[in-house]
PDB file of N, CA and C in Angstrom:
ATOM      1  N   UNK A   1      92.515 128.188  18.904  1.00  0.00           N
ATOM      2  CA  UNK A   1      92.076 127.785  17.577  1.00  0.00           C
ATOM      3  C   UNK A   1      93.143 126.881  16.951  1.00  0.00           C
ATOM      4  N   UNK A   2      92.764 125.704  16.480  1.00  0.00           N
ATOM      5  CA  UNK A   2      93.762 124.804  15.897  1.00  0.00           C
ATOM      6  C   UNK A   2      94.316 125.357  14.580  1.00  0.00           C
ATOM      7  N   UNK A   3      95.597 125.114  14.377  1.00  0.00           N
ATOM      8  CA  UNK A   3      96.260 125.521  13.143  1.00  0.00           C
ATOM      9  C   UNK A   3      97.440 124.588  12.922  1.00  0.00           C
ATOM     10  N   UNK A   4      97.549 124.024  11.718  1.00  0.00           N
ATOM     11  CA  UNK A   4      98.656 123.120  11.434  1.00  0.00           C
ATOM     12  C   UNK A   4      99.898 123.879  10.992  1.00  0.00           C
ATOM     13  N   UNK A   5      99.747 125.147  10.599  1.00  0.00           N
ATOM     14  CA  UNK A   5     100.900 125.918  10.146  1.00  0.00           C
ATOM     15  C   UNK A   5     101.605 125.218   9.003  1.00  0.00           C
ATOM     16  N   UNK A   6     102.935 125.091   9.071  1.00  0.00           N
ATOM     17  CA  UNK A   6     103.684 124.460   7.985  1.00  0.00           C
ATOM     18  C   UNK A   6     103.678 122.929   8.038  1.00  0.00           C
ATOM     19  N   UNK A   7     102.857 122.343   8.900  1.00  0.00           N
ATOM     20  CA  UNK A   7     102.827 120.891   9.078  1.00  0.00           C
ATOM     21  C   UNK A   7     101.606 120.286   8.392  1.00  0.00           C
ATOM     22  N   UNK A   8     101.787 119.134   7.763  1.00  0.00           N
ATOM     23  CA  UNK A   8     100.668 118.429   7.130  1.00  0.00           C
ATOM     24  C   UNK A   8      99.696 117.903   8.182  1.00  0.00           C
ATOM     25  N   UNK A   9     100.235 117.501   9.340  1.00  0.00           N
ATOM     26  CA  UNK A   9      99.398 116.953  10.407  1.00  0.00           C
ATOM     27  C   UNK A   9      99.972 117.375  11.758  1.00  0.00           C
ATOM     28  N   UNK A  10      99.101 117.806  12.664  1.00  0.00           N
ATOM     29  CA  UNK A  10      99.505 118.150  14.021  1.00  0.00           C
ATOM     30  C   UNK A  10      98.284 117.978  14.904  1.00  0.00           C
ATOM     31  N   UNK A  11      98.335 116.974  15.782  1.00  0.00           N
ATOM     32  CA  UNK A  11      97.181 116.672  16.614  1.00  0.00           C
ATOM     33  C   UNK A  11      97.622 115.873  17.838  1.00  0.00           C
ATOM     34  N   UNK A  12      96.748 115.857  18.844  1.00  0.00           N
ATOM     35  CA  UNK A  12      96.951 115.002  20.015  1.00  0.00           C
ATOM     36  C   UNK A  12      96.196 113.704  19.746  1.00  0.00           C
ATOM     37  N   UNK A  13      96.930 112.595  19.633  1.00  0.00           N
ATOM     38  CA  UNK A  13      96.311 111.297  19.366  1.00  0.00           C
ATOM     39  C   UNK A  13      95.806 110.650  20.650  1.00  0.00           C
ATOM     40  N   UNK A  14      96.536 110.828  21.754  1.00  0.00           N
ATOM     41  CA  UNK A  14      96.132 110.249  23.048  1.00  0.00           C
ATOM     42  C   UNK A  14      96.689 111.128  24.155  1.00  0.00           C
ATOM     43  N   UNK A  15      95.936 111.332  25.200  1.00  0.00           N
ATOM     44  CA  UNK A  15      94.581 110.844  25.411  1.00  0.00           C
ATOM     45  C   UNK A  15      93.587 111.614  24.537  1.00  0.00           C
ATOM     46  N   UNK A  16      92.460 110.989  24.273  1.00  0.00           N
ATOM     47  CA  UNK A  16      91.447 111.605  23.430  1.00  0.00           C
ATOM     48  C   UNK A  16      90.642 112.629  24.217  1.00  0.00           C
ATOM     49  N   UNK A  17      90.022 113.537  23.507  1.00  0.00           N
ATOM     50  CA  UNK A  17      89.185 114.559  24.151  1.00  0.00           C
ATOM     51  C   UNK A  17      88.064 113.882  24.935  1.00  0.00           C
ATOM     52  N   UNK A  18      87.853 114.337  26.160  1.00  0.00           N
ATOM     53  CA  UNK A  18      86.799 113.795  27.005  1.00  0.00           C
ATOM     54  C   UNK A  18      87.139 112.494  27.693  1.00  0.00           C
ATOM     55  N   UNK A  19      88.369 112.010  27.533  1.00  0.00           N
ATOM     56  CA  UNK A  19      88.764 110.734  28.141  1.00  0.00           C
ATOM     57  C   UNK A  19      88.698 110.800  29.660  1.00  0.00           C
ATOM     58  N   UNK A  20      88.292 109.705  30.265  1.00  0.00           N
ATOM     59  CA  UNK A  20      88.362 109.527  31.713  1.00  0.00           C
ATOM     60  C   UNK A  20      89.367 108.402  31.935  1.00  0.00           C
ATOM     61  N   UNK A  21      90.530 108.762  32.460  1.00  0.00           N
ATOM     62  CA  UNK A  21      91.605 107.789  32.669  1.00  0.00           C
ATOM     63  C   UNK A  21      91.612 107.364  34.124  1.00  0.00           C
ATOM     64  N   UNK A  22      91.472 106.066  34.355  1.00  0.00           N
ATOM     65  CA  UNK A  22      91.461 105.523  35.710  1.00  0.00           C
ATOM     66  C   UNK A  22      92.727 104.696  35.862  1.00  0.00           C
ATOM     67  N   UNK A  23      93.612 105.160  36.738  1.00  0.00           N
ATOM     68  CA  UNK A  23      94.915 104.514  36.883  1.00  0.00           C
ATOM     69  C   UNK A  23      95.475 104.754  38.283  1.00  0.00           C
ATOM     70  N   UNK A  24      96.487 103.963  38.683  1.00  0.00           N
ATOM     71  CA  UNK A  24      97.004 104.056  40.055  1.00  0.00           C
ATOM     72  C   UNK A  24      97.927 105.250  40.308  1.00  0.00           C
ATOM     73  N   UNK A  25      98.542 105.815  39.268  1.00  0.00           N
ATOM     74  CA  UNK A  25      99.453 106.948  39.476  1.00  0.00           C
ATOM     75  C   UNK A  25      99.017 108.123  38.600  1.00  0.00           C
ATOM     76  N   UNK A  26      99.322 109.339  39.056  1.00  0.00           N
ATOM     77  CA  UNK A  26      98.867 110.538  38.339  1.00  0.00           C
ATOM     78  C   UNK A  26      99.879 110.965  37.264  1.00  0.00           C
ATOM     79  N   UNK A  27      99.984 110.106  36.263  1.00  0.00           N
ATOM     80  CA  UNK A  27     100.880 110.318  35.130  1.00  0.00           C
ATOM     81  C   UNK A  27     100.060 110.366  33.855  1.00  0.00           C
ATOM     82  N   UNK A  28     100.373 111.316  32.995  1.00  0.00           N
ATOM     83  CA  UNK A  28      99.712 111.400  31.698  1.00  0.00           C
ATOM     84  C   UNK A  28     100.684 110.985  30.606  1.00  0.00           C
ATOM     85  N   UNK A  29     100.294 110.023  29.798  1.00  0.00           N
ATOM     86  CA  UNK A  29     101.049 109.644  28.609  1.00  0.00           C
ATOM     87  C   UNK A  29     100.398 110.362  27.438  1.00  0.00           C
ATOM     88  N   UNK A  30     101.164 111.183  26.750  1.00  0.00           N
ATOM     89  CA  UNK A  30     100.638 111.996  25.662  1.00  0.00           C
ATOM     90  C   UNK A  30     101.333 111.604  24.365  1.00  0.00           C
ATOM     91  N   UNK A  31     100.529 111.338  23.345  1.00  0.00           N
ATOM     92  CA  UNK A  31     101.046 110.957  22.034  1.00  0.00           C
ATOM     93  C   UNK A  31     100.568 111.984  21.011  1.00  0.00           C
ATOM     94  N   UNK A  32     101.518 112.596  20.324  1.00  0.00           N
ATOM     95  CA  UNK A  32     101.215 113.619  19.332  1.00  0.00           C
ATOM     96  C   UNK A  32     101.469 113.104  17.928  1.00  0.00           C
ATOM     97  N   UNK A  33     100.750 113.650  16.983  1.00  0.00           N
ATOM     98  CA  UNK A  33     101.013 113.420  15.562  1.00  0.00           C
ATOM     99  C   UNK A  33     101.610 114.717  15.026  1.00  0.00           C
ATOM    100  N   UNK A  34     102.795 114.638  14.440  1.00  0.00           N
ATOM    101  CA  UNK A  34     103.466 115.807  13.871  1.00  0.00           C
ATOM    102  C   UNK A  34     104.153 115.371  12.585  1.00  0.00           C
ATOM    103  N   UNK A  35     103.641 115.865  11.459  1.00  0.00           N
ATOM    104  CA  UNK A  35     104.177 115.475  10.158  1.00  0.00           C
ATOM    105  C   UNK A  35     104.301 116.710   9.282  1.00  0.00           C
ATOM    106  N   UNK A  36     105.486 117.020   8.806  1.00  0.00           N
ATOM    107  CA  UNK A  36     106.755 116.327   9.009  1.00  0.00           C
ATOM    108  C   UNK A  36     107.248 116.528  10.446  1.00  0.00           C
ATOM    109  N   UNK A  37     108.341 115.848  10.832  1.00  0.00           N
ATOM    110  CA  UNK A  37     108.910 116.069  12.156  1.00  0.00           C
ATOM    111  C   UNK A  37     109.243 117.555  12.360  1.00  0.00           C
ATOM    112  N   UNK A  38     109.475 117.919  13.586  1.00  0.00           N
ATOM    113  CA  UNK A  38     109.740 119.314  13.954  1.00  0.00           C
ATOM    114  C   UNK A  38     110.768 119.949  13.015  1.00  0.00           C
ATOM    115  N   UNK A  39     110.401 121.053  12.412  1.00  0.00           N
ATOM    116  CA  UNK A  39     111.280 121.751  11.473  1.00  0.00           C
ATOM    117  C   UNK A  39     112.411 122.464  12.212  1.00  0.00           C
ATOM    118  N   UNK A  40     113.519 122.678  11.534  1.00  0.00           N
ATOM    119  CA  UNK A  40     114.671 123.356  12.132  1.00  0.00           C
ATOM    120  C   UNK A  40     114.263 124.723  12.671  1.00  0.00           C
ATOM    121  N   UNK A  41     114.693 125.028  13.900  1.00  0.00           N
ATOM    122  CA  UNK A  41     114.384 126.305  14.528  1.00  0.00           C
ATOM    123  C   UNK A  41     113.054 126.319  15.259  1.00  0.00           C
ATOM    124  N   UNK A  42     112.248 125.265  15.116  1.00  0.00           N
ATOM    125  CA  UNK A  42     110.961 125.192  15.804  1.00  0.00           C
ATOM    126  C   UNK A  42     111.117 124.418  17.114  1.00  0.00           C
ATOM    127  N   UNK A  43     110.245 124.732  18.057  1.00  0.00           N
ATOM    128  CA  UNK A  43     110.248 123.980  19.315  1.00  0.00           C
ATOM    129  C   UNK A  43     108.816 123.645  19.700  1.00  0.00           C
ATOM    130  N   UNK A  44     108.679 122.550  20.405  1.00  0.00           N
ATOM    131  CA  UNK A  44     107.377 122.023  20.788  1.00  0.00           C
ATOM    132  C   UNK A  44     107.098 122.367  22.246  1.00  0.00           C
ATOM    133  N   UNK A  45     105.896 122.865  22.505  1.00  0.00           N
ATOM    134  CA  UNK A  45     105.433 123.141  23.866  1.00  0.00           C
ATOM    135  C   UNK A  45     104.174 122.336  24.118  1.00  0.00           C
ATOM    136  N   UNK A  46     104.030 121.861  25.340  1.00  0.00           N
ATOM    137  CA  UNK A  46     102.796 121.219  25.766  1.00  0.00           C
ATOM    138  C   UNK A  46     102.150 122.154  26.784  1.00  0.00           C
ATOM    139  N   UNK A  47     100.882 122.443  26.604  1.00  0.00           N
ATOM    140  CA  UNK A  47     100.153 123.315  27.516  1.00  0.00           C
ATOM    141  C   UNK A  47      99.240 122.422  28.350  1.00  0.00           C
ATOM    142  N   UNK A  48      99.510 122.360  29.653  1.00  0.00           N
ATOM    143  CA  UNK A  48      98.687 121.566  30.565  1.00  0.00           C
ATOM    144  C   UNK A  48      98.063 122.518  31.568  1.00  0.00           C
ATOM    145  N   UNK A  49      96.746 122.601  31.545  1.00  0.00           N
ATOM    146  CA  UNK A  49      96.003 123.473  32.452  1.00  0.00           C
ATOM    147  C   UNK A  49      96.502 124.916  32.390  1.00  0.00           C
ATOM    148  N   UNK A  50      96.812 125.374  31.183  1.00  0.00           N
ATOM    149  CA  UNK A  50      97.221 126.763  30.980  1.00  0.00           C
ATOM    150  C   UNK A  50      98.691 127.045  31.186  1.00  0.00           C
ATOM    151  N   UNK A  51      99.463 126.052  31.622  1.00  0.00           N
ATOM    152  CA  UNK A  51     100.900 126.246  31.851  1.00  0.00           C
ATOM    153  C   UNK A  51     101.708 125.557  30.755  1.00  0.00           C
ATOM    154  N   UNK A  52     102.618 126.303  30.145  1.00  0.00           N
ATOM    155  CA  UNK A  52     103.434 125.760  29.061  1.00  0.00           C
ATOM    156  C   UNK A  52     104.631 124.999  29.608  1.00  0.00           C
ATOM    157  N   UNK A  53     104.874 123.842  29.028  1.00  0.00           N
ATOM    158  CA  UNK A  53     106.030 123.019  29.362  1.00  0.00           C
ATOM    159  C   UNK A  53     106.781 122.761  28.061  1.00  0.00           C
ATOM    160  N   UNK A  54     108.031 123.220  27.984  1.00  0.00           N
ATOM    161  CA  UNK A  54     108.827 123.003  26.776  1.00  0.00           C
ATOM    162  C   UNK A  54     109.198 121.527  26.669  1.00  0.00           C
ATOM    163  N   UNK A  55     109.072 120.986  25.472  1.00  0.00           N
ATOM    164  CA  UNK A  55     109.457 119.605  25.200  1.00  0.00           C
ATOM    165  C   UNK A  55     110.838 119.673  24.559  1.00  0.00           C
ATOM    166  N   UNK A  56     111.858 119.495  25.380  1.00  0.00           N
ATOM    167  CA  UNK A  56     113.238 119.715  24.946  1.00  0.00           C
ATOM    168  C   UNK A  56     113.644 118.874  23.747  1.00  0.00           C
ATOM    169  N   UNK A  57     113.243 117.638  23.729  1.00  0.00           N
ATOM    170  CA  UNK A  57     113.691 116.735  22.665  1.00  0.00           C
ATOM    171  C   UNK A  57     112.872 116.870  21.389  1.00  0.00           C
ATOM    172  N   UNK A  58     111.733 117.562  21.463  1.00  0.00           N
ATOM    173  CA  UNK A  58     110.836 117.621  20.326  1.00  0.00           C
ATOM    174  C   UNK A  58     110.101 116.312  20.121  1.00  0.00           C
ATOM    175  N   UNK A  59     110.146 115.438  21.127  1.00  0.00           N
ATOM    176  CA  UNK A  59     109.527 114.114  21.044  1.00  0.00           C
ATOM    177  C   UNK A  59     108.011 114.221  20.951  1.00  0.00           C
ATOM    178  N   UNK A  60     107.400 113.309  20.218  1.00  0.00           N
ATOM    179  CA  UNK A  60     105.951 113.290  20.092  1.00  0.00           C
ATOM    180  C   UNK A  60     105.300 112.285  21.049  1.00  0.00           C
ATOM    181  N   UNK A  61     106.114 111.610  21.880  1.00  0.00           N
ATOM    182  CA  UNK A  61     105.589 110.734  22.918  1.00  0.00           C
ATOM    183  C   UNK A  61     106.152 111.215  24.246  1.00  0.00           C
ATOM    184  N   UNK A  62     105.257 111.704  25.100  1.00  0.00           N
ATOM    185  CA  UNK A  62     105.668 112.344  26.347  1.00  0.00           C
ATOM    186  C   UNK A  62     104.989 111.694  27.534  1.00  0.00           C
ATOM    187  N   UNK A  63     105.644 111.794  28.684  1.00  0.00           N
ATOM    188  CA  UNK A  63     105.033 111.332  29.925  1.00  0.00           C
ATOM    189  C   UNK A  63     105.181 112.454  30.944  1.00  0.00           C
ATOM    190  N   UNK A  64     104.045 112.914  31.454  1.00  0.00           N
ATOM    191  CA  UNK A  64     104.049 113.961  32.475  1.00  0.00           C
ATOM    192  C   UNK A  64     103.664 113.316  33.798  1.00  0.00           C
ATOM    193  N   UNK A  65     104.547 113.455  34.796  1.00  0.00           N
ATOM    194  CA  UNK A  65     104.317 112.821  36.091  1.00  0.00           C
ATOM    195  C   UNK A  65     103.831 113.843  37.106  1.00  0.00           C
ATOM    196  N   UNK A  66     103.033 113.361  38.066  1.00  0.00           N
ATOM    197  CA  UNK A  66     102.576 114.208  39.165  1.00  0.00           C
ATOM    198  C   UNK A  66     101.593 115.287  38.752  1.00  0.00           C
ATOM    199  N   UNK A  67     100.739 114.988  37.778  1.00  0.00           N
ATOM    200  CA  UNK A  67      99.807 116.004  37.288  1.00  0.00           C
ATOM    201  C   UNK A  67      98.567 116.170  38.168  1.00  0.00           C
ATOM    202  N   UNK A  68      98.300 115.197  39.023  1.00  0.00           N
ATOM    203  CA  UNK A  68      97.156 115.286  39.932  1.00  0.00           C
ATOM    204  C   UNK A  68      95.929 114.562  39.390  1.00  0.00           C
ATOM    205  N   UNK A  69      95.182 113.975  40.313  1.00  0.00           N
ATOM    206  CA  UNK A  69      93.935 113.296  39.959  1.00  0.00           C
ATOM    207  C   UNK A  69      92.835 114.347  39.935  1.00  0.00           C
ATOM    208  N   UNK A  70      92.518 114.808  38.741  1.00  0.00           N
ATOM    209  CA  UNK A  70      91.536 115.879  38.569  1.00  0.00           C
ATOM    210  C   UNK A  70      91.259 116.052  37.076  1.00  0.00           C
ATOM    211  N   UNK A  71      90.425 117.027  36.758  1.00  0.00           N
ATOM    212  CA  UNK A  71      90.176 117.370  35.356  1.00  0.00           C
ATOM    213  C   UNK A  71      91.355 118.195  34.837  1.00  0.00           C
ATOM    214  N   UNK A  72      91.706 117.988  33.577  1.00  0.00           N
ATOM    215  CA  UNK A  72      92.824 118.702  32.956  1.00  0.00           C
ATOM    216  C   UNK A  72      92.428 119.173  31.559  1.00  0.00           C
ATOM    217  N   UNK A  73      93.158 120.187  31.069  1.00  0.00           N
ATOM    218  CA  UNK A  73      93.069 120.617  29.669  1.00  0.00           C
ATOM    219  C   UNK A  73      94.474 120.503  29.103  1.00  0.00           C
ATOM    220  N   UNK A  74      94.553 119.987  27.882  1.00  0.00           N
ATOM    221  CA  UNK A  74      95.854 119.778  27.257  1.00  0.00           C
ATOM    222  C   UNK A  74      95.826 120.299  25.815  1.00  0.00           C
ATOM    223  N   UNK A  75      96.943 120.885  25.408  1.00  0.00           N
ATOM    224  CA  UNK A  75      97.112 121.390  24.046  1.00  0.00           C
ATOM    225  C   UNK A  75      98.600 121.317  23.721  1.00  0.00           C
ATOM    226  N   UNK A  76      98.922 121.201  22.446  1.00  0.00           N
ATOM    227  CA  UNK A  76     100.322 121.246  22.010  1.00  0.00           C
ATOM    228  C   UNK A  76     100.475 122.404  21.034  1.00  0.00           C
ATOM    229  N   UNK A  77     101.651 123.045  21.072  1.00  0.00           N
ATOM    230  CA  UNK A  77     101.941 124.173  20.187  1.00  0.00           C
ATOM    231  C   UNK A  77     103.358 124.051  19.654  1.00  0.00           C
ATOM    232  N   UNK A  78     103.556 124.580  18.463  1.00  0.00           N
ATOM    233  CA  UNK A  78     104.894 124.688  17.881  1.00  0.00           C
ATOM    234  C   UNK A  78     105.210 126.172  17.763  1.00  0.00           C
ATOM    235  N   UNK A  79     106.400 126.545  18.252  1.00  0.00           N
ATOM    236  CA  UNK A  79     106.864 127.933  18.167  1.00  0.00           C
ATOM    237  C   UNK A  79     108.072 127.996  17.250  1.00  0.00           C
ATOM    238  N   UNK A  80     108.198 129.123  16.551  1.00  0.00           N
ATOM    239  CA  UNK A  80     109.371 129.316  15.702  1.00  0.00           C
ATOM    240  C   UNK A  80     110.513 129.906  16.515  1.00  0.00           C
ATOM    241  N   UNK A  81     111.621 130.216  15.870  1.00  0.00           N
ATOM    242  CA  UNK A  81     112.818 130.713  16.558  1.00  0.00           C
ATOM    243  C   UNK A  81     112.554 132.022  17.297  1.00  0.00           C
ATOM    244  N   UNK A  82     111.585 132.813  16.840  1.00  0.00           N
ATOM    245  CA  UNK A  82     111.251 134.077  17.504  1.00  0.00           C
ATOM    246  C   UNK A  82     110.265 133.884  18.657  1.00  0.00           C
ATOM    247  N   UNK A  83     109.756 132.654  18.819  1.00  0.00           N
ATOM    248  CA  UNK A  83     108.798 132.381  19.887  1.00  0.00           C
ATOM    249  C   UNK A  83     107.350 132.531  19.468  1.00  0.00           C
ATOM    250  N   UNK A  84     107.118 132.794  18.193  1.00  0.00           N
ATOM    251  CA  UNK A  84     105.766 132.941  17.674  1.00  0.00           C
ATOM    252  C   UNK A  84     105.135 131.558  17.472  1.00  0.00           C
ATOM    253  N   UNK A  85     103.890 131.400  17.918  1.00  0.00           N
ATOM    254  CA  UNK A  85     103.180 130.135  17.713  1.00  0.00           C
ATOM    255  C   UNK A  85     102.852 130.007  16.228  1.00  0.00           C
ATOM    256  N   UNK A  86     103.359 128.945  15.599  1.00  0.00           N
ATOM    257  CA  UNK A  86     103.122 128.718  14.170  1.00  0.00           C
ATOM    258  C   UNK A  86     102.164 127.551  13.923  1.00  0.00           C
ATOM    259  N   UNK A  87     101.901 126.741  14.945  1.00  0.00           N
ATOM    260  CA  UNK A  87     100.950 125.630  14.827  1.00  0.00           C
ATOM    261  C   UNK A  87     100.436 125.300  16.227  1.00  0.00           C
ATOM    262  N   UNK A  88      99.171 124.885  16.290  1.00  0.00           N
ATOM    263  CA  UNK A  88      98.575 124.532  17.585  1.00  0.00           C
ATOM    264  C   UNK A  88      97.496 123.479  17.380  1.00  0.00           C
ATOM    265  N   UNK A  89      97.410 122.552  18.319  1.00  0.00           N
ATOM    266  CA  UNK A  89      96.333 121.563  18.296  1.00  0.00           C
ATOM    267  C   UNK A  89      95.113 122.164  18.981  1.00  0.00           C
ATOM    268  N   UNK A  90      94.006 121.464  18.892  1.00  0.00           N
ATOM    269  CA  UNK A  90      92.837 121.837  19.693  1.00  0.00           C
ATOM    270  C   UNK A  90      93.176 121.615  21.162  1.00  0.00           C
ATOM    271  N   UNK A  91      92.599 122.419  22.013  1.00  0.00           N
ATOM    272  CA  UNK A  91      92.703 122.195  23.455  1.00  0.00           C
ATOM    273  C   UNK A  91      91.542 121.284  23.832  1.00  0.00           C
ATOM    274  N   UNK A  92      91.845 120.212  24.541  1.00  0.00           N
ATOM    275  CA  UNK A  92      90.737 119.369  24.965  1.00  0.00           C
ATOM    276  C   UNK A  92      90.870 118.927  26.408  1.00  0.00           C
ATOM    277  N   UNK A  93      89.706 118.615  26.961  1.00  0.00           N
ATOM    278  CA  UNK A  93      89.648 118.230  28.360  1.00  0.00           C
ATOM    279  C   UNK A  93      89.679 116.727  28.534  1.00  0.00           C
ATOM    280  N   UNK A  94      90.149 116.323  29.710  1.00  0.00           N
ATOM    281  CA  UNK A  94      90.165 114.928  30.103  1.00  0.00           C
ATOM    282  C   UNK A  94      90.145 114.887  31.619  1.00  0.00           C
ATOM    283  N   UNK A  95      89.891 113.729  32.162  1.00  0.00           N
ATOM    284  CA  UNK A  95      89.878 113.592  33.612  1.00  0.00           C
ATOM    285  C   UNK A  95      90.737 112.415  34.024  1.00  0.00           C
ATOM    286  N   UNK A  96      91.536 112.631  35.054  1.00  0.00           N
ATOM    287  CA  UNK A  96      92.397 111.581  35.590  1.00  0.00           C
ATOM    288  C   UNK A  96      91.870 111.197  36.967  1.00  0.00           C
ATOM    289  N   UNK A  97      91.520 109.906  37.122  1.00  0.00           N
ATOM    290  CA  UNK A  97      90.987 109.405  38.398  1.00  0.00           C
ATOM    291  C   UNK A  97      91.871 108.292  38.922  1.00  0.00           C
ATOM    292  N   UNK A  98      91.981 108.243  40.238  1.00  0.00           N
ATOM    293  CA  UNK A  98      92.767 107.183  40.885  1.00  0.00           C
ATOM    294  C   UNK A  98      91.973 105.882  40.875  1.00  0.00           C
ATOM    295  N   UNK A  99      92.646 104.796  40.475  1.00  0.00           N
ATOM    296  CA  UNK A  99      91.992 103.479  40.522  1.00  0.00           C
ATOM    297  C   UNK A  99      91.983 102.993  41.966  1.00  0.00           C
ATOM    298  N   UNK A 100      90.994 102.189  42.272  1.00  0.00           N
ATOM    299  CA  UNK A 100      90.862 101.633  43.611  1.00  0.00           C
ATOM    300  C   UNK A 100      91.329 100.189  43.577  1.00  0.00           C
ATOM    301  N   UNK A 101      92.242  99.795  44.490  1.00  0.00           N
ATOM    302  CA  UNK A 101      92.700  98.399  44.488  1.00  0.00           C
ATOM    303  C   UNK A 101      91.533  97.444  44.718  1.00  0.00           C
ATOM    304  N   UNK A 102      91.599  96.238  44.191  1.00  0.00           N
ATOM    305  CA  UNK A 102      90.538  95.252  44.395  1.00  0.00           C
ATOM    306  C   UNK A 102      90.265  95.048  45.886  1.00  0.00           C
ATOM    307  N   UNK A 103      88.986  94.982  46.254  1.00  0.00           N
ATOM    308  CA  UNK A 103      88.605  94.725  47.641  1.00  0.00           C
ATOM    309  C   UNK A 103      88.590  95.952  48.521  1.00  0.00           C
ATOM    310  N   UNK A 104      88.929  97.127  47.967  1.00  0.00           N
ATOM    311  CA  UNK A 104      88.913  98.366  48.750  1.00  0.00           C
ATOM    312  C   UNK A 104      87.762  99.222  48.255  1.00  0.00           C
ATOM    313  N   UNK A 105      86.934  99.671  49.181  1.00  0.00           N
ATOM    314  CA  UNK A 105      85.806 100.522  48.814  1.00  0.00           C
ATOM    315  C   UNK A 105      86.294 101.949  48.591  1.00  0.00           C
ATOM    316  N   UNK A 106      85.715 102.625  47.585  1.00  0.00           N
ATOM    317  CA  UNK A 106      86.145 104.016  47.314  1.00  0.00           C
ATOM    318  C   UNK A 106      85.725 104.957  48.432  1.00  0.00           C
TER     319      UNK A 106
END
């Protein structure tokens, strides 16, 4: 369930829900909206296919490499110093497909 907690805005701006990304490498570029910036004592986690990945820098622009060409679910969460989730975006699905070089049949 989405919750902004102490933040005015917290959402995944890209990729959008339901996106089909066709590209040569299995990398996801994720752009978050977080306003105000991460509060003191809070940490940002990205949940990809049910697995949490801590975002050490608290950056709102992330690149995840080697995620695989398949369907994925992505969500972002903010945890406080005790580890309690204080804000969460909606979880949404997307699909990553490998692009085919020109002149090559799939």
